[in-house]
Amino acid sequence: MQMFNWPIVSVTSFSLKPAEIASEQRTTLTVGLANKDDIKSHRVRLVFSSHALVSFYIGDKPLESSISNWWLDITMFPSESRTHVITATARLDSGVSQITYRIKMTTNVDGSDSESKSQDLTVSKPP
């Protein structure tokens, strides 16, 4: 029987660059993952949640979403490490000149929530 350090699929990095953008500009979330299981593949869902004015994409294609949750489903093969690049955009409500949105990412592995990470994105009115 194989013994694992939990979580079996771990988040090795989670960054947001730039962390400050003008309204409707793009920023990049970079997510590193590692499967510690050298025998079995695992189903992973990356779930991003934030304010309704924040949207998430792979390239120009929006991630699947429901209300303010967006997700990406992937399969992590045995001993695999990989990096995903997610693009995010954000808008301001009318009359707001600057706001900071919290972006939370939860990993769901084989149907169970595993880890949560977060980053703050500051959005300003364009100059």
C-alpha atoms as a PDB file:
ATOM      1  CA  MET A   1       0.000   0.000   0.000  1.00  0.00           C
ATOM      2  CA  GLN A   2       1.314   3.423  -0.985  1.00  0.00           C
ATOM      3  CA  MET A   3       1.581   6.152   1.695  1.00  0.00           C
ATOM      4  CA  PHE A   4       1.078   9.809   0.783  1.00  0.00           C
ATOM      5  CA  ASN A   5       1.681  13.209   2.224  1.00  0.00           C
ATOM      6  CA  TRP A   6      -1.681  14.948   2.015  1.00  0.00           C
ATOM      7  CA  PRO A   7      -2.773  16.552  -0.255  1.00  0.00           C
ATOM      8  CA  ILE A   8      -2.120  13.948  -2.951  1.00  0.00           C
ATOM      9  CA  VAL A   9      -2.256  16.664  -5.643  1.00  0.00           C
ATOM     10  CA  SER A  10      -0.716  19.796  -4.212  1.00  0.00           C
ATOM     11  CA  VAL A  11      -0.565  23.421  -5.264  1.00  0.00           C
ATOM     12  CA  THR A  12       3.138  24.171  -5.686  1.00  0.00           C
ATOM     13  CA  SER A  13       2.651  27.816  -6.698  1.00  0.00           C
ATOM     14  CA  PHE A  14      -0.131  30.380  -7.013  1.00  0.00           C
ATOM     15  CA  SER A  15       0.698  33.875  -8.220  1.00  0.00           C
ATOM     16  CA  LEU A  16      -1.051  36.913  -9.687  1.00  0.00           C
ATOM     17  CA  LYS A  17       0.859  39.310 -11.972  1.00  0.00           C
ATOM     18  CA  PRO A  18       0.252  42.161 -12.115  1.00  0.00           C
ATOM     19  CA  ALA A  19      -1.689  42.515  -8.858  1.00  0.00           C
ATOM     20  CA  GLU A  20      -2.910  45.994  -9.875  1.00  0.00           C
ATOM     21  CA  ILE A  21      -4.739  46.703 -13.149  1.00  0.00           C
ATOM     22  CA  ALA A  22      -6.984  49.320 -14.704  1.00  0.00           C
ATOM     23  CA  SER A  23     -10.628  48.354 -15.150  1.00  0.00           C
ATOM     24  CA  GLU A  24     -11.144  45.780 -17.937  1.00  0.00           C
ATOM     25  CA  GLN A  25      -7.419  45.075 -18.292  1.00  0.00           C
ATOM     26  CA  ARG A  26      -6.025  41.554 -17.948  1.00  0.00           C
ATOM     27  CA  THR A  27      -3.880  39.928 -15.304  1.00  0.00           C
ATOM     28  CA  THR A  28      -2.380  36.448 -15.134  1.00  0.00           C
ATOM     29  CA  LEU A  29      -2.875  33.784 -12.474  1.00  0.00           C
ATOM     30  CA  THR A  30      -0.212  31.091 -12.586  1.00  0.00           C
ATOM     31  CA  VAL A  31      -1.024  27.807 -10.832  1.00  0.00           C
ATOM     32  CA  GLY A  32       1.567  25.070 -10.311  1.00  0.00           C
ATOM     33  CA  LEU A  33       0.339  21.559  -9.442  1.00  0.00           C
ATOM     34  CA  ALA A  34       2.068  18.294  -8.541  1.00  0.00           C
ATOM     35  CA  ASN A  35       0.609  14.779  -8.299  1.00  0.00           C
ATOM     36  CA  LYS A  36       2.451  12.959  -5.493  1.00  0.00           C
ATOM     37  CA  ASP A  37       0.912   9.630  -6.536  1.00  0.00           C
ATOM     38  CA  ASP A  38       3.320   7.706  -8.774  1.00  0.00           C
ATOM     39  CA  ILE A  39       0.719   5.028  -9.628  1.00  0.00           C
ATOM     40  CA  LYS A  40      -2.667   6.681 -10.135  1.00  0.00           C
ATOM     41  CA  SER A  41      -4.084   9.617 -12.097  1.00  0.00           C
ATOM     42  CA  HIS A  42      -6.407  12.028 -10.258  1.00  0.00           C
ATOM     43  CA  ARG A  43      -9.273  14.264 -11.405  1.00  0.00           C
ATOM     44  CA  VAL A  44      -8.673  17.842 -10.339  1.00  0.00           C
ATOM     45  CA  ARG A  45     -11.039  20.789 -10.504  1.00  0.00           C
ATOM     46  CA  LEU A  46      -9.563  24.243  -9.947  1.00  0.00           C
ATOM     47  CA  VAL A  47     -12.394  26.462  -8.679  1.00  0.00           C
ATOM     48  CA  PHE A  48     -11.898  30.232  -8.773  1.00  0.00           C
ATOM     49  CA  SER A  49     -14.260  32.491  -6.847  1.00  0.00           C
ATOM     50  CA  SER A  50     -14.384  36.250  -6.565  1.00  0.00           C
ATOM     51  CA  HIS A  51     -16.706  39.187  -7.120  1.00  0.00           C
ATOM     52  CA  ALA A  52     -19.208  38.924  -9.998  1.00  0.00           C
ATOM     53  CA  LEU A  53     -17.214  41.613 -11.889  1.00  0.00           C
ATOM     54  CA  VAL A  54     -14.145  39.336 -12.096  1.00  0.00           C
ATOM     55  CA  SER A  55     -13.967  36.820 -14.982  1.00  0.00           C
ATOM     56  CA  PHE A  56     -11.515  33.998 -15.745  1.00  0.00           C
ATOM     57  CA  TYR A  57     -10.190  32.657 -19.068  1.00  0.00           C
ATOM     58  CA  ILE A  58      -7.791  30.205 -20.690  1.00  0.00           C
ATOM     59  CA  GLY A  59      -6.539  32.267 -23.604  1.00  0.00           C
ATOM     60  CA  ASP A  60      -9.666  34.017 -24.914  1.00  0.00           C
ATOM     61  CA  LYS A  61     -12.033  31.199 -23.877  1.00  0.00           C
ATOM     62  CA  PRO A  62     -13.979  31.747 -20.623  1.00  0.00           C
ATOM     63  CA  LEU A  63     -13.748  29.018 -18.002  1.00  0.00           C
ATOM     64  CA  GLU A  64     -16.980  27.210 -17.196  1.00  0.00           C
ATOM     65  CA  SER A  65     -18.902  29.196 -14.607  1.00  0.00           C
ATOM     66  CA  SER A  66     -21.917  29.485 -12.360  1.00  0.00           C
ATOM     67  CA  ILE A  67     -22.673  32.823 -10.640  1.00  0.00           C
ATOM     68  CA  SER A  68     -19.265  33.903  -9.220  1.00  0.00           C
ATOM     69  CA  ASN A  69     -17.511  30.497  -9.424  1.00  0.00           C
ATOM     70  CA  TRP A  70     -15.378  29.561 -12.419  1.00  0.00           C
ATOM     71  CA  TRP A  71     -13.632  26.207 -12.881  1.00  0.00           C
ATOM     72  CA  LEU A  72     -11.151  24.214 -14.904  1.00  0.00           C
ATOM     73  CA  ASP A  73     -11.252  20.388 -14.924  1.00  0.00           C
ATOM     74  CA  ILE A  74      -7.997  18.535 -15.530  1.00  0.00           C
ATOM     75  CA  THR A  75      -6.492  15.083 -15.092  1.00  0.00           C
ATOM     76  CA  MET A  76      -3.159  14.842 -13.299  1.00  0.00           C
ATOM     77  CA  PHE A  77      -1.240  11.770 -14.421  1.00  0.00           C
ATOM     78  CA  PRO A  78       1.012   9.770 -12.036  1.00  0.00           C
ATOM     79  CA  SER A  79       3.956  11.855 -10.758  1.00  0.00           C
ATOM     80  CA  GLU A  80       3.005  14.728 -13.081  1.00  0.00           C
ATOM     81  CA  SER A  81       3.859  18.361 -12.365  1.00  0.00           C
ATOM     82  CA  ARG A  82       2.384  21.134 -14.487  1.00  0.00           C
ATOM     83  CA  THR A  83       1.601  24.814 -14.606  1.00  0.00           C
ATOM     84  CA  HIS A  84      -1.654  26.399 -15.744  1.00  0.00           C
ATOM     85  CA  VAL A  85      -1.915  30.023 -16.819  1.00  0.00           C
ATOM     86  CA  ILE A  86      -5.327  31.597 -16.250  1.00  0.00           C
ATOM     87  CA  THR A  87      -6.198  35.104 -17.416  1.00  0.00           C
ATOM     88  CA  ALA A  88      -8.500  37.260 -15.298  1.00  0.00           C
ATOM     89  CA  THR A  89     -10.270  40.527 -16.069  1.00  0.00           C
ATOM     90  CA  ALA A  90     -12.112  42.796 -13.677  1.00  0.00           C
ATOM     91  CA  ARG A  91     -14.410  45.796 -13.925  1.00  0.00           C
ATOM     92  CA  LEU A  92     -15.484  48.512 -11.535  1.00  0.00           C
ATOM     93  CA  ASP A  93     -19.021  49.312 -10.471  1.00  0.00           C
ATOM     94  CA  SER A  94     -20.286  52.692 -11.657  1.00  0.00           C
ATOM     95  CA  GLY A  95     -18.938  55.529  -9.516  1.00  0.00           C
ATOM     96  CA  VAL A  96     -16.132  53.443  -7.956  1.00  0.00           C
ATOM     97  CA  SER A  97     -12.583  54.637  -8.670  1.00  0.00           C
ATOM     98  CA  GLN A  98     -10.650  51.753  -7.048  1.00  0.00           C
ATOM     99  CA  ILE A  99     -11.403  48.468  -5.314  1.00  0.00           C
ATOM    100  CA  THR A 100      -9.537  45.338  -4.236  1.00  0.00           C
ATOM    101  CA  TYR A 101     -11.100  41.990  -5.101  1.00  0.00           C
ATOM    102  CA  ARG A 102     -10.076  38.768  -3.362  1.00  0.00           C
ATOM    103  CA  ILE A 103      -9.528  35.881  -5.787  1.00  0.00           C
ATOM    104  CA  LYS A 104      -9.796  32.492  -4.082  1.00  0.00           C
ATOM    105  CA  MET A 105      -8.785  29.220  -5.688  1.00  0.00           C
ATOM    106  CA  THR A 106      -9.871  25.876  -4.239  1.00  0.00           C
ATOM    107  CA  THR A 107      -8.539  22.583  -5.544  1.00  0.00           C
ATOM    108  CA  ASN A 108     -10.966  19.683  -5.635  1.00  0.00           C
ATOM    109  CA  VAL A 109      -9.275  16.295  -6.052  1.00  0.00           C
ATOM    110  CA  ASP A 110     -11.375  13.241  -6.952  1.00  0.00           C
ATOM    111  CA  GLY A 111     -14.515  15.013  -5.686  1.00  0.00           C
ATOM    112  CA  SER A 112     -13.166  16.345  -2.362  1.00  0.00           C
ATOM    113  CA  ASP A 113     -11.933  19.863  -1.597  1.00  0.00           C
ATOM    114  CA  SER A 114      -8.207  19.793  -0.936  1.00  0.00           C
ATOM    115  CA  GLU A 115      -6.463  23.185  -0.683  1.00  0.00           C
ATOM    116  CA  SER A 116      -7.416  26.859  -0.861  1.00  0.00           C
ATOM    117  CA  LYS A 117      -5.189  29.772  -1.852  1.00  0.00           C
ATOM    118  CA  SER A 118      -5.996  33.432  -2.423  1.00  0.00           C
ATOM    119  CA  GLN A 119      -4.600  36.567  -4.016  1.00  0.00           C
ATOM    120  CA  ASP A 120      -5.786  40.183  -3.977  1.00  0.00           C
ATOM    121  CA  LEU A 121      -6.373  42.087  -7.225  1.00  0.00           C
ATOM    122  CA  THR A 122      -6.628  45.890  -7.091  1.00  0.00           C
ATOM    123  CA  VAL A 123      -8.616  47.450  -9.915  1.00  0.00           C
ATOM    124  CA  SER A 124      -8.571  51.190 -10.662  1.00  0.00           C
ATOM    125  CA  LYS A 125     -10.282  53.582 -13.006  1.00  0.00           C
ATOM    126  CA  PRO A 126      -8.170  54.013 -16.160  1.00  0.00           C
ATOM    127  CA  PRO A 127      -6.087  57.223 -16.170  1.00  0.00           C
END
